PDB file of N, CA and C in Angstrom:
ATOM      1  N   MET A   1       8.973  15.954   2.072  1.00  0.00           N
ATOM      2  CA  MET A   1       8.859  15.014   3.160  1.00  0.00           C
ATOM      3  C   MET A   1      10.027  15.248   4.117  1.00  0.00           C
ATOM      4  N   HIS A   2       9.745  15.173   5.396  1.00  0.00           N
ATOM      5  CA  HIS A   2      10.768  15.421   6.403  1.00  0.00           C
ATOM      6  C   HIS A   2      11.794  14.281   6.421  1.00  0.00           C
ATOM      7  N   HIS A   3      13.031  14.617   6.684  1.00  0.00           N
ATOM      8  CA  HIS A   3      14.100  13.617   6.654  1.00  0.00           C
ATOM      9  C   HIS A   3      13.888  12.490   7.667  1.00  0.00           C
ATOM     10  N   SER A   4      13.241  12.795   8.803  1.00  0.00           N
ATOM     11  CA  SER A   4      13.011  11.738   9.794  1.00  0.00           C
ATOM     12  C   SER A   4      11.987  10.718   9.283  1.00  0.00           C
ATOM     13  N   THR A   5      11.041  11.172   8.481  1.00  0.00           N
ATOM     14  CA  THR A   5      10.065  10.260   7.888  1.00  0.00           C
ATOM     15  C   THR A   5      10.758   9.297   6.934  1.00  0.00           C
ATOM     16  N   ILE A   6      11.643   9.828   6.144  1.00  0.00           N
ATOM     17  CA  ILE A   6      12.380   8.998   5.183  1.00  0.00           C
ATOM     18  C   ILE A   6      13.286   8.015   5.919  1.00  0.00           C
ATOM     19  N   THR A   7      13.978   8.487   6.945  1.00  0.00           N
ATOM     20  CA  THR A   7      14.855   7.628   7.735  1.00  0.00           C
ATOM     21  C   THR A   7      14.068   6.484   8.368  1.00  0.00           C
ATOM     22  N   ARG A   8      12.900   6.814   8.932  1.00  0.00           N
ATOM     23  CA  ARG A   8      12.058   5.795   9.571  1.00  0.00           C
ATOM     24  C   ARG A   8      11.581   4.769   8.537  1.00  0.00           C
ATOM     25  N   GLU A   9      11.196   5.232   7.355  1.00  0.00           N
ATOM     26  CA  GLU A   9      10.757   4.332   6.276  1.00  0.00           C
ATOM     27  C   GLU A   9      11.874   3.382   5.864  1.00  0.00           C
ATOM     28  N   ILE A  10      13.062   3.906   5.693  1.00  0.00           N
ATOM     29  CA  ILE A  10      14.196   3.072   5.284  1.00  0.00           C
ATOM     30  C   ILE A  10      14.540   2.067   6.380  1.00  0.00           C
ATOM     31  N   LYS A  11      14.569   2.527   7.620  1.00  0.00           N
ATOM     32  CA  LYS A  11      14.896   1.639   8.731  1.00  0.00           C
ATOM     33  C   LYS A  11      13.856   0.520   8.888  1.00  0.00           C
ATOM     34  N   ARG A  12      12.604   0.878   8.744  1.00  0.00           N
ATOM     35  CA  ARG A  12      11.519  -0.075   8.945  1.00  0.00           C
ATOM     36  C   ARG A  12      11.441  -1.125   7.840  1.00  0.00           C
ATOM     37  N   ASN A  13      11.854  -0.759   6.636  1.00  0.00           N
ATOM     38  CA  ASN A  13      11.635  -1.628   5.484  1.00  0.00           C
ATOM     39  C   ASN A  13      12.907  -2.092   4.786  1.00  0.00           C
ATOM     40  N   SER A  14      14.030  -2.007   5.443  1.00  0.00           N
ATOM     41  CA  SER A  14      15.277  -2.474   4.841  1.00  0.00           C
ATOM     42  C   SER A  14      15.609  -3.877   5.330  1.00  0.00           C
ATOM     43  N   GLU A  15      16.236  -4.630   4.447  1.00  0.00           N
ATOM     44  CA  GLU A  15      16.746  -5.944   4.815  1.00  0.00           C
ATOM     45  C   GLU A  15      18.167  -6.048   4.286  1.00  0.00           C
ATOM     46  N   ASN A  16      19.060  -6.534   5.127  1.00  0.00           N
ATOM     47  CA  ASN A  16      20.475  -6.660   4.761  1.00  0.00           C
ATOM     48  C   ASN A  16      21.043  -5.327   4.275  1.00  0.00           C
ATOM     49  N   ASN A  17      20.682  -4.265   4.981  1.00  0.00           N
ATOM     50  CA  ASN A  17      21.156  -2.906   4.675  1.00  0.00           C
ATOM     51  C   ASN A  17      20.784  -2.439   3.273  1.00  0.00           C
ATOM     52  N   ALA A  18      19.709  -2.983   2.710  1.00  0.00           N
ATOM     53  CA  ALA A  18      19.257  -2.554   1.387  1.00  0.00           C
ATOM     54  C   ALA A  18      17.755  -2.319   1.421  1.00  0.00           C
ATOM     55  N   TYR A  19      17.346  -1.210   0.825  1.00  0.00           N
ATOM     56  CA  TYR A  19      15.928  -0.872   0.741  1.00  0.00           C
ATOM     57  C   TYR A  19      15.410  -1.299  -0.621  1.00  0.00           C
ATOM     58  N   GLN A  20      14.328  -2.083  -0.617  1.00  0.00           N
ATOM     59  CA  GLN A  20      13.723  -2.510  -1.874  1.00  0.00           C
ATOM     60  C   GLN A  20      12.252  -2.100  -1.842  1.00  0.00           C
ATOM     61  N   GLN A  21      11.867  -1.321  -2.820  1.00  0.00           N
ATOM     62  CA  GLN A  21      10.515  -0.781  -2.859  1.00  0.00           C
ATOM     63  C   GLN A  21       9.451  -1.882  -2.830  1.00  0.00           C
ATOM     64  N   GLU A  22       9.646  -2.937  -3.597  1.00  0.00           N
ATOM     65  CA  GLU A  22       8.652  -4.008  -3.653  1.00  0.00           C
ATOM     66  C   GLU A  22       8.484  -4.677  -2.284  1.00  0.00           C
ATOM     67  N   MET A  23       9.602  -4.898  -1.608  1.00  0.00           N
ATOM     68  CA  MET A  23       9.562  -5.511  -0.280  1.00  0.00           C
ATOM     69  C   MET A  23       8.871  -4.567   0.708  1.00  0.00           C
ATOM     70  N   ALA A  24       9.168  -3.280   0.612  1.00  0.00           N
ATOM     71  CA  ALA A  24       8.544  -2.301   1.504  1.00  0.00           C
ATOM     72  C   ALA A  24       7.031  -2.272   1.292  1.00  0.00           C
ATOM     73  N   GLN A  25       6.600  -2.328   0.038  1.00  0.00           N
ATOM     74  CA  GLN A  25       5.174  -2.332  -0.265  1.00  0.00           C
ATOM     75  C   GLN A  25       4.502  -3.590   0.280  1.00  0.00           C
ATOM     76  N   ALA A  26       5.143  -4.728   0.117  1.00  0.00           N
ATOM     77  CA  ALA A  26       4.594  -5.990   0.622  1.00  0.00           C
ATOM     78  C   ALA A  26       4.465  -5.953   2.148  1.00  0.00           C
ATOM     79  N   LYS A  27       5.486  -5.426   2.820  1.00  0.00           N
ATOM     80  CA  LYS A  27       5.430  -5.316   4.284  1.00  0.00           C
ATOM     81  C   LYS A  27       4.300  -4.394   4.716  1.00  0.00           C
ATOM     82  N   SER A  28       4.131  -3.289   3.994  1.00  0.00           N
ATOM     83  CA  SER A  28       3.064  -2.343   4.304  1.00  0.00           C
ATOM     84  C   SER A  28       1.693  -2.996   4.170  1.00  0.00           C
ATOM     85  N   GLU A  29       1.492  -3.728   3.090  1.00  0.00           N
ATOM     86  CA  GLU A  29       0.212  -4.390   2.885  1.00  0.00           C
ATOM     87  C   GLU A  29      -0.031  -5.468   3.937  1.00  0.00           C
ATOM     88  N   PHE A  30       1.022  -6.153   4.356  1.00  0.00           N
ATOM     89  CA  PHE A  30       0.882  -7.160   5.406  1.00  0.00           C
ATOM     90  C   PHE A  30       0.457  -6.500   6.719  1.00  0.00           C
ATOM     91  N   ARG A  31       1.099  -5.375   7.050  1.00  0.00           N
ATOM     92  CA  ARG A  31       0.748  -4.682   8.299  1.00  0.00           C
ATOM     93  C   ARG A  31      -0.710  -4.226   8.274  1.00  0.00           C
ATOM     94  N   LYS A  32      -1.186  -3.776   7.123  1.00  0.00           N
ATOM     95  CA  LYS A  32      -2.573  -3.330   7.015  1.00  0.00           C
ATOM     96  C   LYS A  32      -3.546  -4.486   7.179  1.00  0.00           C
ATOM     97  N   SER A  33      -3.160  -5.674   6.741  1.00  0.00           N
ATOM     98  CA  SER A  33      -4.061  -6.819   6.790  1.00  0.00           C
ATOM     99  C   SER A  33      -4.051  -7.521   8.144  1.00  0.00           C
ATOM    100  N   SER A  34      -3.054  -7.247   8.987  1.00  0.00           N
ATOM    101  CA  SER A  34      -3.016  -7.911  10.289  1.00  0.00           C
ATOM    102  C   SER A  34      -4.062  -7.301  11.217  1.00  0.00           C
ATOM    103  N   PRO A  35      -4.418  -8.041  12.265  1.00  0.00           N
ATOM    104  CA  PRO A  35      -5.466  -7.562  13.177  1.00  0.00           C
ATOM    105  C   PRO A  35      -5.156  -6.164  13.701  1.00  0.00           C
ATOM    106  N   SER A  36      -6.208  -5.391  13.864  1.00  0.00           N
ATOM    107  CA  SER A  36      -6.030  -4.014  14.308  1.00  0.00           C
ATOM    108  C   SER A  36      -5.471  -3.952  15.725  1.00  0.00           C
ATOM    109  N   LYS A  37      -4.832  -2.825  16.020  1.00  0.00           N
ATOM    110  CA  LYS A  37      -4.297  -2.631  17.363  1.00  0.00           C
ATOM    111  C   LYS A  37      -5.417  -2.557  18.392  1.00  0.00           C
ATOM    112  N   ALA A  38      -6.576  -2.076  17.951  1.00  0.00           N
ATOM    113  CA  ALA A  38      -7.709  -1.998  18.875  1.00  0.00           C
ATOM    114  C   ALA A  38      -8.063  -3.381  19.398  1.00  0.00           C
ATOM    115  N   LYS A  39      -8.023  -4.383  18.532  1.00  0.00           N
ATOM    116  CA  LYS A  39      -8.341  -5.739  18.968  1.00  0.00           C
ATOM    117  C   LYS A  39      -7.320  -6.232  19.988  1.00  0.00           C
ATOM    118  N   LYS A  40      -6.064  -5.858  19.791  1.00  0.00           N
ATOM    119  CA  LYS A  40      -5.017  -6.319  20.694  1.00  0.00           C
ATOM    120  C   LYS A  40      -5.121  -5.657  22.061  1.00  0.00           C
ATOM    121  N   LYS A  41      -5.567  -4.411  22.108  1.00  0.00           N
ATOM    122  CA  LYS A  41      -5.620  -3.670  23.361  1.00  0.00           C
ATOM    123  C   LYS A  41      -6.876  -3.971  24.175  1.00  0.00           C
ATOM    124  N   ILE A  42      -7.938  -4.363  23.497  1.00  0.00           N
ATOM    125  CA  ILE A  42      -9.207  -4.571  24.190  1.00  0.00           C
ATOM    126  C   ILE A  42      -9.404  -6.055  24.435  1.00  0.00           C
ATOM    127  N   TYR A  43      -9.196  -6.475  25.653  1.00  0.00           N
ATOM    128  CA  TYR A  43      -9.373  -7.875  26.004  1.00  0.00           C
ATOM    129  C   TYR A  43     -10.804  -8.091  26.509  1.00  0.00           C
ATOM    130  N   PRO A  44     -11.236  -9.346  26.627  1.00  0.00           N
ATOM    131  CA  PRO A  44     -12.645  -9.654  26.903  1.00  0.00           C
ATOM    132  C   PRO A  44     -13.270  -8.931  28.098  1.00  0.00           C
ATOM    133  N   ASP A  45     -12.532  -8.746  29.176  1.00  0.00           N
ATOM    134  CA  ASP A  45     -13.093  -8.037  30.337  1.00  0.00           C
ATOM    135  C   ASP A  45     -13.455  -6.600  29.983  1.00  0.00           C
ATOM    136  N   LEU A  46     -12.623  -5.962  29.170  1.00  0.00           N
ATOM    137  CA  LEU A  46     -12.907  -4.587  28.756  1.00  0.00           C
ATOM    138  C   LEU A  46     -14.107  -4.541  27.818  1.00  0.00           C
ATOM    139  N   VAL A  47     -14.208  -5.506  26.936  1.00  0.00           N
ATOM    140  CA  VAL A  47     -15.348  -5.579  26.020  1.00  0.00           C
ATOM    141  C   VAL A  47     -16.645  -5.667  26.820  1.00  0.00           C
ATOM    142  N   THR A  48     -16.645  -6.479  27.857  1.00  0.00           N
ATOM    143  CA  THR A  48     -17.826  -6.622  28.703  1.00  0.00           C
ATOM    144  C   THR A  48     -18.225  -5.280  29.296  1.00  0.00           C
ATOM    145  N   ILE A  49     -17.261  -4.551  29.811  1.00  0.00           N
ATOM    146  CA  ILE A  49     -17.546  -3.245  30.419  1.00  0.00           C
ATOM    147  C   ILE A  49     -18.038  -2.264  29.367  1.00  0.00           C
ATOM    148  N   ILE A  50     -17.397  -2.252  28.208  1.00  0.00           N
ATOM    149  CA  ILE A  50     -17.821  -1.354  27.131  1.00  0.00           C
ATOM    150  C   ILE A  50     -19.266  -1.653  26.749  1.00  0.00           C
ATOM    151  N   LYS A  51     -19.589  -2.929  26.609  1.00  0.00           N
ATOM    152  CA  LYS A  51     -20.954  -3.317  26.219  1.00  0.00           C
ATOM    153  C   LYS A  51     -21.968  -3.038  27.324  1.00  0.00           C
ATOM    154  N   GLN A  52     -21.525  -2.948  28.568  1.00  0.00           N
ATOM    155  CA  GLN A  52     -22.418  -2.587  29.670  1.00  0.00           C
ATOM    156  C   GLN A  52     -22.664  -1.084  29.718  1.00  0.00           C
ATOM    157  N   LYS A  53     -21.628  -0.309  29.466  1.00  0.00           N
ATOM    158  CA  LYS A  53     -21.720   1.144  29.641  1.00  0.00           C
ATOM    159  C   LYS A  53     -22.344   1.860  28.444  1.00  0.00           C
ATOM    160  N   LEU A  54     -22.129   1.367  27.221  1.00  0.00           N
ATOM    161  CA  LEU A  54     -22.685   2.046  26.050  1.00  0.00           C
ATOM    162  C   LEU A  54     -24.215   2.181  26.107  1.00  0.00           C
ATOM    163  N   PRO A  55     -24.957   1.114  26.455  1.00  0.00           N
ATOM    164  CA  PRO A  55     -26.412   1.271  26.532  1.00  0.00           C
ATOM    165  C   PRO A  55     -26.864   2.256  27.620  1.00  0.00           C
ATOM    166  N   LEU A  56     -25.994   2.521  28.579  1.00  0.00           N
ATOM    167  CA  LEU A  56     -26.301   3.502  29.626  1.00  0.00           C
ATOM    168  C   LEU A  56     -25.972   4.914  29.167  1.00  0.00           C
ATOM    169  N   GLN A  57     -25.662   5.039  27.876  1.00  0.00           N
ATOM    170  CA  GLN A  57     -25.315   6.297  27.216  1.00  0.00           C
ATOM    171  C   GLN A  57     -24.014   6.899  27.736  1.00  0.00           C
ATOM    172  N   TRP A  58     -23.079   6.049  28.094  1.00  0.00           N
ATOM    173  CA  TRP A  58     -21.741   6.505  28.418  1.00  0.00           C
ATOM    174  C   TRP A  58     -20.996   6.682  27.102  1.00  0.00           C
ATOM    175  N   SER A  59     -20.277   7.748  26.974  1.00  0.00           N
ATOM    176  CA  SER A  59     -19.473   7.972  25.774  1.00  0.00           C
ATOM    177  C   SER A  59     -18.164   7.187  25.889  1.00  0.00           C
ATOM    178  N   PRO A  60     -17.489   6.945  24.763  1.00  0.00           N
ATOM    179  CA  PRO A  60     -16.178   6.308  24.832  1.00  0.00           C
ATOM    180  C   PRO A  60     -15.194   7.076  25.726  1.00  0.00           C
ATOM    181  N   VAL A  61     -15.310   8.392  25.776  1.00  0.00           N
ATOM    182  CA  VAL A  61     -14.440   9.188  26.651  1.00  0.00           C
ATOM    183  C   VAL A  61     -14.728   8.846  28.120  1.00  0.00           C
ATOM    184  N   GLN A  62     -15.999   8.753  28.470  1.00  0.00           N
ATOM    185  CA  GLN A  62     -16.367   8.415  29.843  1.00  0.00           C
ATOM    186  C   GLN A  62     -15.923   6.997  30.205  1.00  0.00           C
ATOM    187  N   ILE A  63     -16.106   6.075  29.278  1.00  0.00           N
ATOM    188  CA  ILE A  63     -15.708   4.690  29.531  1.00  0.00           C
ATOM    189  C   ILE A  63     -14.203   4.599  29.738  1.00  0.00           C
ATOM    190  N   SER A  64     -13.450   5.278  28.880  1.00  0.00           N
ATOM    191  CA  SER A  64     -11.991   5.280  28.994  1.00  0.00           C
ATOM    192  C   SER A  64     -11.553   5.836  30.350  1.00  0.00           C
ATOM    193  N   GLY A  65     -12.173   6.942  30.759  1.00  0.00           N
ATOM    194  CA  GLY A  65     -11.852   7.544  32.055  1.00  0.00           C
ATOM    195  C   GLY A  65     -12.199   6.625  33.213  1.00  0.00           C
ATOM    196  N   PHE A  66     -13.334   5.966  33.131  1.00  0.00           N
ATOM    197  CA  PHE A  66     -13.763   5.013  34.160  1.00  0.00           C
ATOM    198  C   PHE A  66     -12.749   3.878  34.300  1.00  0.00           C
ATOM    199  N   LEU A  67     -12.339   3.305  33.158  1.00  0.00           N
ATOM    200  CA  LEU A  67     -11.375   2.201  33.183  1.00  0.00           C
ATOM    201  C   LEU A  67     -10.050   2.630  33.800  1.00  0.00           C
ATOM    202  N   LYS A  68      -9.622   3.827  33.446  1.00  0.00           N
ATOM    203  CA  LYS A  68      -8.351   4.335  33.974  1.00  0.00           C
ATOM    204  C   LYS A  68      -8.456   4.614  35.473  1.00  0.00           C
ATOM    205  N   LYS A  69      -9.545   5.273  35.875  1.00  0.00           N
ATOM    206  CA  LYS A  69      -9.725   5.632  37.290  1.00  0.00           C
ATOM    207  C   LYS A  69      -9.806   4.401  38.183  1.00  0.00           C
ATOM    208  N   ARG A  70     -10.451   3.364  37.703  1.00  0.00           N
ATOM    209  CA  ARG A  70     -10.603   2.131  38.477  1.00  0.00           C
ATOM    210  C   ARG A  70      -9.430   1.169  38.293  1.00  0.00           C
ATOM    211  N   ALA A  71      -8.440   1.571  37.511  1.00  0.00           N
ATOM    212  CA  ALA A  71      -7.254   0.744  37.216  1.00  0.00           C
ATOM    213  C   ALA A  71      -7.643  -0.612  36.622  1.00  0.00           C
ATOM    214  N   ILE A  72      -8.705  -0.596  35.825  1.00  0.00           N
ATOM    215  CA  ILE A  72      -9.159  -1.817  35.161  1.00  0.00           C
ATOM    216  C   ILE A  72      -8.374  -2.026  33.872  1.00  0.00           C
ATOM    217  N   GLY A  73      -8.142  -0.946  33.176  1.00  0.00           N
ATOM    218  CA  GLY A  73      -7.406  -0.994  31.923  1.00  0.00           C
ATOM    219  C   GLY A  73      -7.131   0.419  31.464  1.00  0.00           C
ATOM    220  N   LYS A  74      -6.136   0.564  30.647  1.00  0.00           N
ATOM    221  CA  LYS A  74      -5.783   1.892  30.164  1.00  0.00           C
ATOM    222  C   LYS A  74      -5.870   1.875  28.641  1.00  0.00           C
ATOM    223  N   ILE A  75      -7.025   2.273  28.131  1.00  0.00           N
ATOM    224  CA  ILE A  75      -7.205   2.386  26.692  1.00  0.00           C
ATOM    225  C   ILE A  75      -7.821   3.746  26.405  1.00  0.00           C
ATOM    226  N   SER A  76      -7.514   4.280  25.259  1.00  0.00           N
ATOM    227  CA  SER A  76      -8.015   5.604  24.901  1.00  0.00           C
ATOM    228  C   SER A  76      -9.433   5.508  24.345  1.00  0.00           C
ATOM    229  N   HIS A  77     -10.103   6.641  24.339  1.00  0.00           N
ATOM    230  CA  HIS A  77     -11.439   6.673  23.748  1.00  0.00           C
ATOM    231  C   HIS A  77     -11.362   6.381  22.253  1.00  0.00           C
ATOM    232  N   GLU A  78     -10.246   6.756  21.596  1.00  0.00           N
ATOM    233  CA  GLU A  78     -10.084   6.451  20.175  1.00  0.00           C
ATOM    234  C   GLU A  78     -10.067   4.942  19.943  1.00  0.00           C
ATOM    235  N   THR A  79      -9.418   4.204  20.839  1.00  0.00           N
ATOM    236  CA  THR A  79      -9.367   2.745  20.724  1.00  0.00           C
ATOM    237  C   THR A  79     -10.766   2.156  20.883  1.00  0.00           C
ATOM    238  N   ILE A  80     -11.561   2.731  21.770  1.00  0.00           N
ATOM    239  CA  ILE A  80     -12.934   2.256  21.941  1.00  0.00           C
ATOM    240  C   ILE A  80     -13.738   2.530  20.674  1.00  0.00           C
ATOM    241  N   TYR A  81     -13.574   3.728  20.095  1.00  0.00           N
ATOM    242  CA  TYR A  81     -14.250   4.032  18.829  1.00  0.00           C
ATOM    243  C   TYR A  81     -13.818   3.052  17.736  1.00  0.00           C
ATOM    244  N   LYS A  82     -12.529   2.770  17.654  1.00  0.00           N
ATOM    245  CA  LYS A  82     -12.047   1.818  16.652  1.00  0.00           C
ATOM    246  C   LYS A  82     -12.677   0.449  16.857  1.00  0.00           C
ATOM    247  N   TYR A  83     -12.797   0.044  18.107  1.00  0.00           N
ATOM    248  CA  TYR A  83     -13.432  -1.243  18.414  1.00  0.00           C
ATOM    249  C   TYR A  83     -14.885  -1.248  17.941  1.00  0.00           C
ATOM    250  N   ILE A  84     -15.593  -0.158  18.196  1.00  0.00           N
ATOM    251  CA  ILE A  84     -17.003  -0.069  17.799  1.00  0.00           C
ATOM    252  C   ILE A  84     -17.139  -0.137  16.282  1.00  0.00           C
ATOM    253  N   TRP A  85     -16.279   0.569  15.548  1.00  0.00           N
ATOM    254  CA  TRP A  85     -16.366   0.554  14.081  1.00  0.00           C
ATOM    255  C   TRP A  85     -15.932  -0.796  13.517  1.00  0.00           C
ATOM    256  N   GLU A  86     -14.990  -1.449  14.159  1.00  0.00           N
ATOM    257  CA  GLU A  86     -14.604  -2.803  13.746  1.00  0.00           C
ATOM    258  C   GLU A  86     -15.768  -3.763  13.973  1.00  0.00           C
ATOM    259  N   ASP A  87     -16.463  -3.590  15.090  1.00  0.00           N
ATOM    260  CA  ASP A  87     -17.641  -4.392  15.381  1.00  0.00           C
ATOM    261  C   ASP A  87     -18.695  -4.190  14.283  1.00  0.00           C
ATOM    262  N   LYS A  88     -18.879  -2.952  13.837  1.00  0.00           N
ATOM    263  CA  LYS A  88     -19.841  -2.659  12.767  1.00  0.00           C
ATOM    264  C   LYS A  88     -19.442  -3.374  11.484  1.00  0.00           C
ATOM    265  N   ARG A  89     -18.160  -3.314  11.125  1.00  0.00           N
ATOM    266  CA  ARG A  89     -17.699  -3.974   9.898  1.00  0.00           C
ATOM    267  C   ARG A  89     -17.959  -5.476   9.938  1.00  0.00           C
ATOM    268  N   GLN A  90     -18.002  -6.034  11.133  1.00  0.00           N
ATOM    269  CA  GLN A  90     -18.244  -7.469  11.279  1.00  0.00           C
ATOM    270  C   GLN A  90     -19.722  -7.782  11.507  1.00  0.00           C
ATOM    271  N   GLY A  91     -20.569  -6.792  11.314  1.00  0.00           N
ATOM    272  CA  GLY A  91     -22.010  -7.011  11.436  1.00  0.00           C
ATOM    273  C   GLY A  91     -22.595  -6.705  12.798  1.00  0.00           C
ATOM    274  N   GLY A  92     -21.781  -6.184  13.716  1.00  0.00           N
ATOM    275  CA  GLY A  92     -22.258  -5.850  15.054  1.00  0.00           C
ATOM    276  C   GLY A  92     -23.089  -4.581  15.070  1.00  0.00           C
ATOM    277  N   LEU A  93     -23.729  -4.327  16.190  1.00  0.00           N
ATOM    278  CA  LEU A  93     -24.653  -3.203  16.306  1.00  0.00           C
ATOM    279  C   LEU A  93     -24.251  -2.158  17.340  1.00  0.00           C
ATOM    280  N   LEU A  94     -23.046  -2.237  17.863  1.00  0.00           N
ATOM    281  CA  LEU A  94     -22.628  -1.258  18.873  1.00  0.00           C
ATOM    282  C   LEU A  94     -22.703   0.176  18.353  1.00  0.00           C
ATOM    283  N   TYR A  95     -22.429   0.363  17.075  1.00  0.00           N
ATOM    284  CA  TYR A  95     -22.448   1.710  16.503  1.00  0.00           C
ATOM    285  C   TYR A  95     -23.828   2.348  16.618  1.00  0.00           C
ATOM    286  N   MET A  96     -24.878   1.530  16.615  1.00  0.00           N
ATOM    287  CA  MET A  96     -26.237   2.070  16.721  1.00  0.00           C
ATOM    288  C   MET A  96     -26.473   2.710  18.077  1.00  0.00           C
ATOM    289  N   ILE A  97     -25.836   2.171  19.098  1.00  0.00           N
ATOM    290  CA  ILE A  97     -25.940   2.768  20.431  1.00  0.00           C
ATOM    291  C   ILE A  97     -25.313   4.149  20.408  1.00  0.00           C
ATOM    292  N   LEU A  98     -24.167   4.281  19.732  1.00  0.00           N
ATOM    293  CA  LEU A  98     -23.523   5.590  19.613  1.00  0.00           C
ATOM    294  C   LEU A  98     -24.409   6.568  18.858  1.00  0.00           C
ATOM    295  N   GLN A  99     -25.064   6.105  17.802  1.00  0.00           N
ATOM    296  CA  GLN A  99     -25.952   6.996  17.030  1.00  0.00           C
ATOM    297  C   GLN A  99     -27.060   7.532  17.922  1.00  0.00           C
ATOM    298  N   ARG A 100     -27.655   6.668  18.737  1.00  0.00           N
ATOM    299  CA  ARG A 100     -28.703   7.139  19.638  1.00  0.00           C
ATOM    300  C   ARG A 100     -28.152   8.128  20.649  1.00  0.00           C
ATOM    301  N   PHE A 101     -26.927   7.858  21.125  1.00  0.00           N
ATOM    302  CA  PHE A 101     -26.291   8.718  22.111  1.00  0.00           C
ATOM    303  C   PHE A 101     -26.091  10.126  21.556  1.00  0.00           C
ATOM    304  N   PHE A 102     -25.630  10.228  20.317  1.00  0.00           N
ATOM    305  CA  PHE A 102     -25.307  11.526  19.742  1.00  0.00           C
ATOM    306  C   PHE A 102     -26.522  12.258  19.186  1.00  0.00           C
ATOM    307  N   ARG A 103     -27.655  11.577  19.022  1.00  0.00           N
ATOM    308  CA  ARG A 103     -28.866  12.244  18.551  1.00  0.00           C
ATOM    309  C   ARG A 103     -29.545  13.032  19.639  1.00  0.00           C
ATOM    310  N   HIS A 104     -29.321  12.673  20.893  1.00  0.00           N
ATOM    311  CA  HIS A 104     -30.006  13.366  22.003  1.00  0.00           C
ATOM    312  C   HIS A 104     -29.376  14.683  22.317  1.00  0.00           C
TER     313      HIS A 104
END
């Protein structure tokens, strides 16, 4: 493991200048359970645009470029994909639009 990785781990998970494995593990699990970054980056106006463009067979890359070009928002296509998969995990159907898009 690279020394910078170890340094970052110690810095991120130390308290009172002491690293404790159990505390580091608990912090890691907490970070995993908190809301995804995709949810934080995609606010309701962007969701509306994403839901409008996907049925028109726009790819997440195209949507991301559109948002950036129009200065509406700056999110990556990866963030849009994460949003779509999070929507699927919650019972949403946005992923089905992507399946149709990629089958053609």
